[in-house]
Amino acid sequence: MNMGEHSGEETSTLRELKKISKILILANAPIIEKELSKIASSNARKKIWVLIDGIRMPKDLAREADLTQMAVSYFLNAAAAAEFIGYTQREPPRRILDYVPPSLIDLVMKEQQVSKEEEGGEPSAASQTEEADSAVMLKEKDGKNEQ
């Protein structure tokens, strides 16, 4: 067997494992959400969970969630202790269990809409469309990450 054949088998195996992982996550979504709610116990913590993408650093999460870095640090340490994320200092946190319940995405989207309304009155049709597109993109990204 040459190197190309071996790589093809690994890719096929990885693809199958990702499918199995997605099926297990979807089948156990209510249980996962219940366990996640033990550490993501406030709207602020839920927002942090949604924002964790393996790219944002804790200071970015704090800024985007409008929290202190210490509050974000407490949450990240709790999530790491529960083995929901991989997190070490000077590295962006990454979800081990890459699942964002739709209710959390909806919560964050509603919160963004409320803050936009407070800033400038009623949101325009264009901003409502943009928000809907963002929600769809977040849900699609979540689906791709689970695959």
Protein backbone atom coordinates (compact mmCIF):
# COMPACT_ATOMS: atom_id res chain seq x y z
CA MET A 1 0.00 0.00 0.00
CA ASN A 2 1.42 3.38 -0.92
CA MET A 3 1.15 6.59 1.05
CA GLY A 4 -1.79 7.93 -1.02
CA GLU A 5 -3.93 4.86 -0.37
CA HIS A 6 -3.23 5.03 3.36
CA SER A 7 -4.14 8.72 3.45
CA GLY A 8 -7.39 8.03 1.58
CA GLU A 9 -8.36 5.37 4.13
CA GLU A 10 -7.62 7.75 7.01
CA THR A 11 -9.72 10.45 5.37
CA SER A 12 -12.59 8.03 4.87
CA THR A 13 -12.31 6.79 8.47
CA LEU A 14 -12.17 10.33 9.80
CA ARG A 15 -15.24 11.28 7.76
CA GLU A 16 -17.15 8.28 9.18
CA LEU A 17 -16.08 9.10 12.73
CA LYS A 18 -17.28 12.68 12.28
CA LYS A 19 -20.66 11.39 11.07
CA ILE A 20 -20.94 9.08 14.07
CA SER A 21 -19.96 11.91 16.40
CA LYS A 22 -22.61 14.19 14.93
CA ILE A 23 -25.28 11.50 15.27
CA LEU A 24 -24.33 10.92 18.91
CA ILE A 25 -24.39 14.64 19.68
CA LEU A 26 -27.79 15.11 18.04
CA ALA A 27 -29.23 12.02 19.72
CA ASN A 28 -28.02 13.22 23.10
CA ALA A 29 -28.62 16.96 22.62
CA PRO A 30 -31.08 17.30 25.56
CA ILE A 31 -28.64 15.58 27.93
CA ILE A 32 -25.72 17.65 26.64
CA GLU A 33 -27.73 20.85 27.04
CA LYS A 34 -28.65 19.88 30.61
CA GLU A 35 -25.01 19.22 31.52
CA LEU A 36 -23.88 22.41 29.80
CA SER A 37 -26.47 24.41 31.74
CA LYS A 38 -24.69 23.43 34.96
CA ILE A 39 -21.73 25.63 34.03
CA ALA A 40 -23.42 27.99 31.55
CA SER A 41 -25.83 28.99 34.28
CA SER A 42 -26.36 32.65 33.37
CA ASN A 43 -27.06 34.48 30.13
CA ALA A 44 -23.53 35.91 30.24
CA ARG A 45 -22.00 32.43 30.54
CA LYS A 46 -24.25 31.14 27.77
CA LYS A 47 -23.04 33.96 25.56
CA ILE A 48 -19.42 33.02 26.27
CA TRP A 49 -20.19 29.42 25.24
CA VAL A 50 -21.64 30.62 21.93
CA LEU A 51 -18.62 32.87 21.32
CA ILE A 52 -15.98 30.18 21.94
CA ASP A 53 -14.67 29.31 18.51
CA GLY A 54 -11.04 28.30 18.99
CA ILE A 55 -9.93 31.66 17.61
CA ARG A 56 -11.09 34.26 20.13
CA MET A 57 -8.82 34.79 23.10
CA PRO A 58 -10.34 35.23 26.59
CA LYS A 59 -9.92 39.03 26.38
CA ASP A 60 -11.90 39.01 23.10
CA LEU A 61 -14.62 36.90 24.71
CA ALA A 62 -14.78 39.35 27.62
CA ARG A 63 -15.08 42.34 25.31
CA GLU A 64 -17.74 40.74 23.08
CA ALA A 65 -19.75 39.42 26.05
CA ASP A 66 -19.37 42.75 27.89
CA LEU A 67 -17.82 41.02 30.92
CA THR A 68 -14.64 41.31 32.89
CA GLN A 69 -11.72 39.10 31.96
CA MET A 70 -11.93 37.57 35.43
CA ALA A 71 -15.56 36.53 34.89
CA VAL A 72 -14.61 34.92 31.57
CA SER A 73 -11.64 33.23 33.24
CA TYR A 74 -13.87 31.71 35.93
CA PHE A 75 -16.20 30.32 33.28
CA LEU A 76 -13.36 28.96 31.13
CA ASN A 77 -11.79 27.25 34.13
CA ALA A 78 -15.14 25.68 35.08
CA ALA A 79 -15.74 24.54 31.49
CA ALA A 80 -12.23 23.08 31.29
CA ALA A 81 -12.68 21.28 34.63
CA ALA A 82 -15.93 19.77 33.27
CA GLU A 83 -13.97 18.79 30.13
CA PHE A 84 -16.24 20.77 27.82
CA ILE A 85 -13.34 22.82 26.48
CA GLY A 86 -9.61 22.63 26.07
CA TYR A 87 -8.08 25.70 27.63
CA THR A 88 -4.57 26.74 28.60
CA GLN A 89 -3.19 30.18 29.26
CA ARG A 90 -2.20 32.18 26.18
CA GLU A 91 -4.24 29.90 23.89
CA PRO A 92 -7.78 30.43 22.62
CA PRO A 93 -10.26 28.05 24.26
CA ARG A 94 -11.64 25.30 22.03
CA ARG A 95 -14.81 23.33 22.54
CA ILE A 96 -14.13 19.62 23.00
CA LEU A 97 -17.82 18.98 22.65
CA ASP A 98 -18.57 21.25 19.72
CA TYR A 99 -22.27 21.79 20.28
CA VAL A 100 -24.18 25.02 20.69
CA PRO A 101 -27.83 24.45 21.58
CA PRO A 102 -30.13 26.44 19.29
CA SER A 103 -31.70 28.07 22.36
CA LEU A 104 -28.33 29.67 23.17
CA ILE A 105 -27.92 31.00 19.65
CA ASP A 106 -31.44 32.45 19.83
CA LEU A 107 -30.63 34.03 23.21
CA VAL A 108 -27.52 35.75 21.84
CA MET A 109 -29.34 36.93 18.71
CA LYS A 110 -32.21 38.39 20.77
CA GLU A 111 -29.72 40.11 23.07
CA GLN A 112 -27.94 41.68 20.08
CA GLN A 113 -31.25 42.86 18.67
CA VAL A 114 -32.26 44.45 21.99
CA SER A 115 -28.95 46.30 22.29
CA LYS A 116 -29.26 47.57 18.70
CA GLU A 117 -32.79 48.79 19.41
CA GLU A 118 -31.58 50.59 22.54
CA GLU A 119 -28.85 52.30 20.53
CA GLY A 120 -30.95 53.57 17.67
CA GLY A 121 -34.61 52.78 17.96
CA GLU A 122 -36.32 50.19 15.81
CA PRO A 123 -34.02 48.01 13.74
CA SER A 124 -34.28 48.48 9.99
CA ALA A 125 -35.47 45.73 7.70
CA ALA A 126 -31.89 45.44 6.44
CA SER A 127 -30.51 44.94 9.95
CA GLN A 128 -33.22 42.36 10.71
CA THR A 129 -32.25 40.49 7.53
CA GLU A 130 -28.58 40.75 8.50
CA GLU A 131 -29.36 39.33 11.96
CA ALA A 132 -31.36 36.47 10.47
CA ASP A 133 -28.50 35.73 8.08
CA SER A 134 -26.07 35.77 11.01
CA ALA A 135 -28.23 33.31 12.94
CA VAL A 136 -28.38 30.97 9.95
CA MET A 137 -24.61 31.24 9.47
CA LEU A 138 -24.02 30.47 13.16
CA LYS A 139 -26.29 27.43 12.97
CA GLU A 140 -24.62 26.28 9.73
CA LYS A 141 -21.18 26.77 11.26
CA ASP A 142 -22.30 24.76 14.26
CA GLY A 143 -23.46 22.02 11.94
CA LYS A 144 -20.16 22.02 10.02
CA ASN A 145 -18.12 21.93 13.20
CA GLU A 146 -20.08 18.92 14.38
CA GLN A 147 -19.45 17.00 11.18
